[in-house]
Structure formats: structure tokens, C-alpha cells
């Protein structure tokens, strides 16, 4: 295949054709606005699983998005799959890992693993309202253990201080933590359940890089 353009140009072109802002695209694929901006300006290149997720969100071929002279339309080649739906079960790709510690890159890797979720756990919502992550680390032990999978409801806010959420911070770091805050004040605190780990307070300009990706709704744990 001949490369006739570059990823950054194609990303901007596809987003424009979809009427999708970069911020909206970031929300669709679970990445930070900073990361999407770096992709759109050519300062950073996505890993293959992220490329596949972006292509799926923009309804284009991953090869076309990479800049190659191929059909723009998305083909049914294996990649990051959307949830597969039957009458009773929704099969979700496990689209990334979230740290139960700190400093783990957000939603960058997909191993091809999937998990079947009984439809009734979606409580009448669309499958696109959820995603599934794998927990890494033990800072949320015993509530969440290393290797657990979590069905996450996409939302950008928490109902109250003290809720547990999947939080993006420092631009592209993701963590699962209890979150404390006071409405109107310029700080929030990420609190592990495991007392062996310290809390982390985020303030000032760092708070601008922090956002809620969603809240856990179902824990899936392998039987020992």
C-alpha cells in the first residue's frame, strides 16, 4: 500500500466529515483531549488498538486513517470490536486497563479479550453507554482486585463526593479511585481503599487535565 497522506491529516478530515469535534472524539473513545490534540497535530502516533478504536468511532478504515491510498470505508477486518448484542447477552471488548494504583496510561491497549455481560445488567441502557476495563494493582483491595474486570457506565460527573469513579488525570493517566471533593473548590482527592497506598490531591492547573470517564456498575471476577 502507498501512503499518500499522514495520520494527523486524515484524523482531522474524518472528524470534520463526521461533524465531530476533537473533544467529542476523545469522549467517544475514552481518551483525554490532550492525547487527541497530540494525534491531530502530528505530535504523537497512536498504538494499533487505539488506531482501530478511532477508525471505528469515525466509521473509516484503519489503513485509510493511517494515510494509505485505500478505500475510506471501514471493512469488516478483525480489530477493536463494538459490543456484540444478542437477546440475552452483550459481548464487550475489554478495551484497556485501569490502574488501582497510579500512573497507568489510559485505554491504550487491547489484547483481543472480551467478556459476556447479561443484558439485564445494562438496565435498559444502550451498550454504547458502557465499556469494560481490567483492573491492575491492589490499591482498591478488597473491593477491587488485580485482574478484576469492571463494567463502567460512561458519565462525566460523579453524583456525590466519596463515589468511586474511573478518573483521567495528568492528560493520559487513568485510575479507579474513591473521589472526594467540595463543589466550587479547586481540588479533588483520589483515595485508595487499601490503606497501604496514600491518597493523591489534585489542584490548580492539574485539575484542568482531570475528568471523570465513568462509574463502575458491575464487577466481574474470575473464580479461584
C-alpha atoms as a PDB file:
ATOM      1  CA  UNK A   1       0.000   0.000   0.000  1.00  0.00           C
ATOM      2  CA  UNK A   2       1.163   3.505  -0.808  1.00  0.00           C
ATOM      3  CA  UNK A   3       0.996   6.141   1.894  1.00  0.00           C
ATOM      4  CA  UNK A   4      -0.262   9.399   0.348  1.00  0.00           C
ATOM      5  CA  UNK A   5      -1.166  11.356   3.478  1.00  0.00           C
ATOM      6  CA  UNK A   6      -0.492  11.174   7.203  1.00  0.00           C
ATOM      7  CA  UNK A   7      -2.496  10.129  10.208  1.00  0.00           C
ATOM      8  CA  UNK A   8      -2.950  13.642  11.622  1.00  0.00           C
ATOM      9  CA  UNK A   9      -4.414  14.997   8.369  1.00  0.00           C
ATOM     10  CA  UNK A  10      -6.730  12.030   7.944  1.00  0.00           C
ATOM     11  CA  UNK A  11      -7.873  12.244  11.570  1.00  0.00           C
ATOM     12  CA  UNK A  12      -8.862  15.892  11.162  1.00  0.00           C
ATOM     13  CA  UNK A  13     -10.529  15.190   7.803  1.00  0.00           C
ATOM     14  CA  UNK A  14     -12.594  12.285   9.138  1.00  0.00           C
ATOM     15  CA  UNK A  15     -13.632  14.180  12.256  1.00  0.00           C
ATOM     16  CA  UNK A  16     -14.747  17.150  10.140  1.00  0.00           C
ATOM     17  CA  UNK A  17     -16.786  14.916   7.822  1.00  0.00           C
ATOM     18  CA  UNK A  18     -18.467  13.318  10.839  1.00  0.00           C
ATOM     19  CA  UNK A  19     -19.215  16.732  12.332  1.00  0.00           C
ATOM     20  CA  UNK A  20     -17.303  15.568  15.381  1.00  0.00           C
ATOM     21  CA  UNK A  21     -15.086  17.879  17.416  1.00  0.00           C
ATOM     22  CA  UNK A  22     -11.832  16.564  18.838  1.00  0.00           C
ATOM     23  CA  UNK A  23     -13.330  16.822  22.320  1.00  0.00           C
ATOM     24  CA  UNK A  24     -16.305  14.709  21.262  1.00  0.00           C
ATOM     25  CA  UNK A  25     -13.970  12.180  19.651  1.00  0.00           C
ATOM     26  CA  UNK A  26     -11.969  11.960  22.871  1.00  0.00           C
ATOM     27  CA  UNK A  27     -15.159  11.169  24.776  1.00  0.00           C
ATOM     28  CA  UNK A  28     -16.213   8.513  22.244  1.00  0.00           C
ATOM     29  CA  UNK A  29     -13.011   6.504  22.546  1.00  0.00           C
ATOM     30  CA  UNK A  30     -12.173   7.206  26.191  1.00  0.00           C
ATOM     31  CA  UNK A  31      -9.009   9.233  25.641  1.00  0.00           C
ATOM     32  CA  UNK A  32      -8.014  12.612  27.001  1.00  0.00           C
ATOM     33  CA  UNK A  33      -8.454  15.775  24.969  1.00  0.00           C
ATOM     34  CA  UNK A  34      -4.712  16.342  25.315  1.00  0.00           C
ATOM     35  CA  UNK A  35      -3.973  12.975  23.690  1.00  0.00           C
ATOM     36  CA  UNK A  36      -6.420  13.553  20.811  1.00  0.00           C
ATOM     37  CA  UNK A  37      -4.918  17.001  20.247  1.00  0.00           C
ATOM     38  CA  UNK A  38      -1.440  15.472  20.092  1.00  0.00           C
ATOM     39  CA  UNK A  39      -2.687  12.993  17.479  1.00  0.00           C
ATOM     40  CA  UNK A  40      -4.389  15.728  15.420  1.00  0.00           C
ATOM     41  CA  UNK A  41      -1.265  17.895  15.350  1.00  0.00           C
ATOM     42  CA  UNK A  42       1.084  15.053  14.479  1.00  0.00           C
ATOM     43  CA  UNK A  43       2.979  15.237  17.753  1.00  0.00           C
ATOM     44  CA  UNK A  44       2.056  11.679  18.684  1.00  0.00           C
ATOM     45  CA  UNK A  45       1.101   8.471  16.872  1.00  0.00           C
ATOM     46  CA  UNK A  46      -1.499   6.017  18.229  1.00  0.00           C
ATOM     47  CA  UNK A  47      -0.821   2.390  19.005  1.00  0.00           C
ATOM     48  CA  UNK A  48      -2.674  -0.093  16.754  1.00  0.00           C
ATOM     49  CA  UNK A  49      -5.549  -0.754  19.205  1.00  0.00           C
ATOM     50  CA  UNK A  50      -6.122   2.982  19.629  1.00  0.00           C
ATOM     51  CA  UNK A  51      -5.961   3.489  15.862  1.00  0.00           C
ATOM     52  CA  UNK A  52      -8.634   0.798  15.458  1.00  0.00           C
ATOM     53  CA  UNK A  53     -10.837   2.475  18.079  1.00  0.00           C
ATOM     54  CA  UNK A  54     -10.504   5.861  16.388  1.00  0.00           C
ATOM     55  CA  UNK A  55     -11.279   4.375  12.979  1.00  0.00           C
ATOM     56  CA  UNK A  56     -14.379   2.651  14.352  1.00  0.00           C
ATOM     57  CA  UNK A  57     -15.579   5.864  16.004  1.00  0.00           C
ATOM     58  CA  UNK A  58     -15.094   7.798  12.749  1.00  0.00           C
ATOM     59  CA  UNK A  59     -16.500   4.992  10.560  1.00  0.00           C
ATOM     60  CA  UNK A  60     -13.404   4.763   8.366  1.00  0.00           C
ATOM     61  CA  UNK A  61     -10.818   2.113   7.548  1.00  0.00           C
ATOM     62  CA  UNK A  62      -7.795   1.996   9.893  1.00  0.00           C
ATOM     63  CA  UNK A  63      -5.486   1.837   6.851  1.00  0.00           C
ATOM     64  CA  UNK A  64      -7.139   4.895   5.328  1.00  0.00           C
ATOM     65  CA  UNK A  65      -6.848   6.727   8.652  1.00  0.00           C
ATOM     66  CA  UNK A  66      -3.137   5.867   8.692  1.00  0.00           C
ATOM     67  CA  UNK A  67      -2.731   7.751   5.403  1.00  0.00           C
ATOM     68  CA  UNK A  68      -2.714   4.902   2.884  1.00  0.00           C
ATOM     69  CA  UNK A  69      -4.305   5.027  -0.576  1.00  0.00           C
ATOM     70  CA  UNK A  70      -7.161   2.623   0.207  1.00  0.00           C
ATOM     71  CA  UNK A  71     -10.947   2.742   0.395  1.00  0.00           C
ATOM     72  CA  UNK A  72     -12.055   5.073   3.153  1.00  0.00           C
ATOM     73  CA  UNK A  73     -14.952   2.873   4.180  1.00  0.00           C
ATOM     74  CA  UNK A  74     -14.464   0.623   7.160  1.00  0.00           C
ATOM     75  CA  UNK A  75     -14.093  -3.040   6.256  1.00  0.00           C
ATOM     76  CA  UNK A  76     -15.061  -5.974   8.488  1.00  0.00           C
ATOM     77  CA  UNK A  77     -11.476  -6.980   9.255  1.00  0.00           C
ATOM     78  CA  UNK A  78     -10.749  -8.006  12.843  1.00  0.00           C
ATOM     79  CA  UNK A  79      -9.959  -5.096  15.099  1.00  0.00           C
ATOM     80  CA  UNK A  80     -11.339  -3.438  18.155  1.00  0.00           C
ATOM     81  CA  UNK A  81     -14.880  -4.738  18.115  1.00  0.00           C
ATOM     82  CA  UNK A  82     -18.009  -2.921  19.122  1.00  0.00           C
ATOM     83  CA  UNK A  83     -20.249  -4.689  21.612  1.00  0.00           C
ATOM     84  CA  UNK A  84     -21.907  -7.760  20.019  1.00  0.00           C
ATOM     85  CA  UNK A  85     -25.532  -7.990  21.034  1.00  0.00           C
ATOM     86  CA  UNK A  86     -27.881 -10.974  21.294  1.00  0.00           C
ATOM     87  CA  UNK A  87     -31.248 -11.236  23.011  1.00  0.00           C
ATOM     88  CA  UNK A  88     -29.693 -12.160  26.345  1.00  0.00           C
ATOM     89  CA  UNK A  89     -26.006 -11.193  26.248  1.00  0.00           C
ATOM     90  CA  UNK A  90     -23.793  -8.297  25.169  1.00  0.00           C
ATOM     91  CA  UNK A  91     -20.164  -9.182  24.375  1.00  0.00           C
ATOM     92  CA  UNK A  92     -17.866  -6.283  25.249  1.00  0.00           C
ATOM     93  CA  UNK A  93     -14.217  -5.913  24.241  1.00  0.00           C
ATOM     94  CA  UNK A  94     -12.003  -5.292  27.270  1.00  0.00           C
ATOM     95  CA  UNK A  95     -10.688  -2.070  25.789  1.00  0.00           C
ATOM     96  CA  UNK A  96      -7.922  -1.250  28.225  1.00  0.00           C
ATOM     97  CA  UNK A  97      -6.598  -1.371  31.740  1.00  0.00           C
ATOM     98  CA  UNK A  98      -7.225   0.976  34.621  1.00  0.00           C
ATOM     99  CA  UNK A  99      -4.794   1.196  37.491  1.00  0.00           C
ATOM    100  CA  UNK A 100      -5.934   0.572  41.023  1.00  0.00           C
ATOM    101  CA  UNK A 101      -2.636   2.332  41.762  1.00  0.00           C
ATOM    102  CA  UNK A 102      -1.453   5.442  39.950  1.00  0.00           C
ATOM    103  CA  UNK A 103       0.346   6.398  36.738  1.00  0.00           C
ATOM    104  CA  UNK A 104      -1.111   3.905  34.280  1.00  0.00           C
ATOM    105  CA  UNK A 105      -1.713   5.108  30.694  1.00  0.00           C
ATOM    106  CA  UNK A 106      -5.391   5.328  29.814  1.00  0.00           C
ATOM    107  CA  UNK A 107      -7.157   2.941  27.446  1.00  0.00           C
ATOM    108  CA  UNK A 108      -4.164   2.355  25.190  1.00  0.00           C
ATOM    109  CA  UNK A 109      -4.052  -1.424  24.925  1.00  0.00           C
ATOM    110  CA  UNK A 110      -6.467  -4.091  23.733  1.00  0.00           C
ATOM    111  CA  UNK A 111      -5.404  -7.724  23.846  1.00  0.00           C
ATOM    112  CA  UNK A 112      -8.425  -9.067  21.971  1.00  0.00           C
ATOM    113  CA  UNK A 113     -10.079 -10.215  25.212  1.00  0.00           C
ATOM    114  CA  UNK A 114     -13.843  -9.951  25.534  1.00  0.00           C
ATOM    115  CA  UNK A 115     -16.399 -10.573  28.241  1.00  0.00           C
ATOM    116  CA  UNK A 116     -20.081 -11.539  28.011  1.00  0.00           C
ATOM    117  CA  UNK A 117     -22.421  -9.389  30.102  1.00  0.00           C
ATOM    118  CA  UNK A 118     -26.055 -10.466  30.623  1.00  0.00           C
ATOM    119  CA  UNK A 119     -28.239  -7.803  29.044  1.00  0.00           C
ATOM    120  CA  UNK A 120     -30.238  -7.123  32.211  1.00  0.00           C
ATOM    121  CA  UNK A 121     -27.118  -5.606  33.819  1.00  0.00           C
ATOM    122  CA  UNK A 122     -27.386  -2.725  31.322  1.00  0.00           C
ATOM    123  CA  UNK A 123     -30.667  -1.681  32.973  1.00  0.00           C
ATOM    124  CA  UNK A 124     -32.274  -0.695  29.689  1.00  0.00           C
ATOM    125  CA  UNK A 125     -29.388   1.476  28.501  1.00  0.00           C
ATOM    126  CA  UNK A 126     -27.618   1.153  25.147  1.00  0.00           C
ATOM    127  CA  UNK A 127     -24.474  -0.973  25.046  1.00  0.00           C
ATOM    128  CA  UNK A 128     -22.538   2.095  23.838  1.00  0.00           C
ATOM    129  CA  UNK A 129     -23.226   3.709  27.208  1.00  0.00           C
ATOM    130  CA  UNK A 130     -20.788   1.231  28.786  1.00  0.00           C
ATOM    131  CA  UNK A 131     -17.247  -0.046  28.412  1.00  0.00           C
ATOM    132  CA  UNK A 132     -15.251  -2.747  30.201  1.00  0.00           C
ATOM    133  CA  UNK A 133     -11.819  -2.274  31.781  1.00  0.00           C
ATOM    134  CA  UNK A 134      -9.419  -4.617  33.553  1.00  0.00           C
ATOM    135  CA  UNK A 135      -8.132  -3.572  36.988  1.00  0.00           C
ATOM    136  CA  UNK A 136      -4.362  -3.551  37.518  1.00  0.00           C
ATOM    137  CA  UNK A 137      -2.919  -3.385  41.032  1.00  0.00           C
ATOM    138  CA  UNK A 138      -4.309  -3.723  44.548  1.00  0.00           C
ATOM    139  CA  UNK A 139      -4.791  -0.188  45.858  1.00  0.00           C
ATOM    140  CA  UNK A 140      -8.583  -0.710  45.813  1.00  0.00           C
ATOM    141  CA  UNK A 141      -8.369  -4.099  47.590  1.00  0.00           C
ATOM    142  CA  UNK A 142     -10.520  -5.738  48.859  1.00  0.00           C
ATOM    143  CA  UNK A 143     -13.324  -4.125  46.839  1.00  0.00           C
ATOM    144  CA  UNK A 144     -11.451  -4.450  43.531  1.00  0.00           C
ATOM    145  CA  UNK A 145      -8.635  -6.944  42.990  1.00  0.00           C
ATOM    146  CA  UNK A 146      -5.858  -7.205  40.428  1.00  0.00           C
ATOM    147  CA  UNK A 147      -7.292  -8.787  37.278  1.00  0.00           C
ATOM    148  CA  UNK A 148     -10.918  -7.924  38.003  1.00  0.00           C
ATOM    149  CA  UNK A 149     -12.975  -6.676  35.078  1.00  0.00           C
ATOM    150  CA  UNK A 150     -15.348  -3.790  35.585  1.00  0.00           C
ATOM    151  CA  UNK A 151     -18.374  -2.726  33.550  1.00  0.00           C
ATOM    152  CA  UNK A 152     -18.232   1.076  33.543  1.00  0.00           C
ATOM    153  CA  UNK A 153     -21.134   3.413  32.802  1.00  0.00           C
ATOM    154  CA  UNK A 154     -19.920   6.367  30.756  1.00  0.00           C
ATOM    155  CA  UNK A 155     -20.580   9.651  32.517  1.00  0.00           C
ATOM    156  CA  UNK A 156     -18.647  12.861  33.046  1.00  0.00           C
ATOM    157  CA  UNK A 157     -19.644  13.616  36.643  1.00  0.00           C
ATOM    158  CA  UNK A 158     -19.992  11.892  39.993  1.00  0.00           C
ATOM    159  CA  UNK A 159     -23.218  12.102  41.969  1.00  0.00           C
ATOM    160  CA  UNK A 160     -21.507  12.980  45.227  1.00  0.00           C
ATOM    161  CA  UNK A 161     -18.166  13.277  46.981  1.00  0.00           C
ATOM    162  CA  UNK A 162     -16.989   9.849  48.090  1.00  0.00           C
ATOM    163  CA  UNK A 163     -18.213   7.993  44.998  1.00  0.00           C
ATOM    164  CA  UNK A 164     -15.845   5.656  43.137  1.00  0.00           C
ATOM    165  CA  UNK A 165     -15.032   6.576  39.556  1.00  0.00           C
ATOM    166  CA  UNK A 166     -12.683   5.939  36.661  1.00  0.00           C
ATOM    167  CA  UNK A 167     -10.667   9.151  36.571  1.00  0.00           C
ATOM    168  CA  UNK A 168      -8.368  10.538  33.889  1.00  0.00           C
ATOM    169  CA  UNK A 169      -5.596  12.819  35.186  1.00  0.00           C
ATOM    170  CA  UNK A 170      -2.250  14.251  34.021  1.00  0.00           C
ATOM    171  CA  UNK A 171      -3.615  14.138  30.475  1.00  0.00           C
ATOM    172  CA  UNK A 172      -3.427  10.400  29.833  1.00  0.00           C
ATOM    173  CA  UNK A 173      -3.278   8.570  33.169  1.00  0.00           C
ATOM    174  CA  UNK A 174      -6.288   6.547  34.300  1.00  0.00           C
ATOM    175  CA  UNK A 175      -7.114   5.267  37.756  1.00  0.00           C
ATOM    176  CA  UNK A 176     -10.015   3.716  39.671  1.00  0.00           C
ATOM    177  CA  UNK A 177     -10.441   5.549  42.965  1.00  0.00           C
ATOM    178  CA  UNK A 178     -12.785   6.908  45.552  1.00  0.00           C
ATOM    179  CA  UNK A 179     -13.078  10.632  44.822  1.00  0.00           C
ATOM    180  CA  UNK A 180     -13.588  13.357  47.405  1.00  0.00           C
ATOM    181  CA  UNK A 181     -14.249  16.994  46.514  1.00  0.00           C
ATOM    182  CA  UNK A 182     -16.131  20.096  47.602  1.00  0.00           C
ATOM    183  CA  UNK A 183     -18.298  21.692  44.879  1.00  0.00           C
ATOM    184  CA  UNK A 184     -16.858  25.034  43.806  1.00  0.00           C
ATOM    185  CA  UNK A 185     -13.405  24.420  45.280  1.00  0.00           C
ATOM    186  CA  UNK A 186     -10.279  23.977  43.168  1.00  0.00           C
ATOM    187  CA  UNK A 187      -9.198  20.484  44.236  1.00  0.00           C
ATOM    188  CA  UNK A 188     -10.151  16.851  44.413  1.00  0.00           C
ATOM    189  CA  UNK A 189      -8.651  13.895  46.230  1.00  0.00           C
ATOM    190  CA  UNK A 190      -8.151  10.397  44.792  1.00  0.00           C
ATOM    191  CA  UNK A 191      -8.379   7.932  47.674  1.00  0.00           C
ATOM    192  CA  UNK A 192      -7.394   4.235  47.595  1.00  0.00           C
ATOM    193  CA  UNK A 193      -9.365   1.811  49.735  1.00  0.00           C
ATOM    194  CA  UNK A 194      -6.215  -0.150  50.595  1.00  0.00           C
ATOM    195  CA  UNK A 195      -4.590   1.798  53.480  1.00  0.00           C
ATOM    196  CA  UNK A 196      -1.131   0.799  52.234  1.00  0.00           C
ATOM    197  CA  UNK A 197      -1.493   3.397  49.472  1.00  0.00           C
ATOM    198  CA  UNK A 198      -1.566   7.174  50.016  1.00  0.00           C
ATOM    199  CA  UNK A 199      -4.268   9.451  48.613  1.00  0.00           C
ATOM    200  CA  UNK A 200      -3.407  11.948  45.899  1.00  0.00           C
ATOM    201  CA  UNK A 201      -4.705  15.517  45.862  1.00  0.00           C
ATOM    202  CA  UNK A 202      -5.093  17.264  42.505  1.00  0.00           C
ATOM    203  CA  UNK A 203      -5.275  21.052  42.482  1.00  0.00           C
ATOM    204  CA  UNK A 204      -4.927  24.121  40.311  1.00  0.00           C
ATOM    205  CA  UNK A 205      -3.889  23.704  36.689  1.00  0.00           C
ATOM    206  CA  UNK A 206      -3.537  19.928  37.145  1.00  0.00           C
ATOM    207  CA  UNK A 207      -7.268  19.826  37.771  1.00  0.00           C
ATOM    208  CA  UNK A 208      -7.844  21.045  34.199  1.00  0.00           C
ATOM    209  CA  UNK A 209      -6.340  17.762  32.936  1.00  0.00           C
ATOM    210  CA  UNK A 210      -8.595  15.699  35.214  1.00  0.00           C
ATOM    211  CA  UNK A 211     -12.009  14.349  34.244  1.00  0.00           C
ATOM    212  CA  UNK A 212     -14.427  11.551  35.013  1.00  0.00           C
ATOM    213  CA  UNK A 213     -14.646   8.773  32.403  1.00  0.00           C
ATOM    214  CA  UNK A 214     -17.357   6.790  34.143  1.00  0.00           C
ATOM    215  CA  UNK A 215     -18.503   4.931  37.220  1.00  0.00           C
ATOM    216  CA  UNK A 216     -18.286   1.177  37.913  1.00  0.00           C
ATOM    217  CA  UNK A 217     -21.579  -0.669  37.642  1.00  0.00           C
ATOM    218  CA  UNK A 218     -20.617  -4.357  37.635  1.00  0.00           C
ATOM    219  CA  UNK A 219     -17.639  -6.326  38.944  1.00  0.00           C
ATOM    220  CA  UNK A 220     -16.606  -9.469  37.053  1.00  0.00           C
ATOM    221  CA  UNK A 221     -14.146 -11.655  38.969  1.00  0.00           C
ATOM    222  CA  UNK A 222     -12.634 -14.974  37.943  1.00  0.00           C
ATOM    223  CA  UNK A 223     -13.453 -17.826  40.316  1.00  0.00           C
ATOM    224  CA  UNK A 224     -10.400 -19.250  42.061  1.00  0.00           C
END
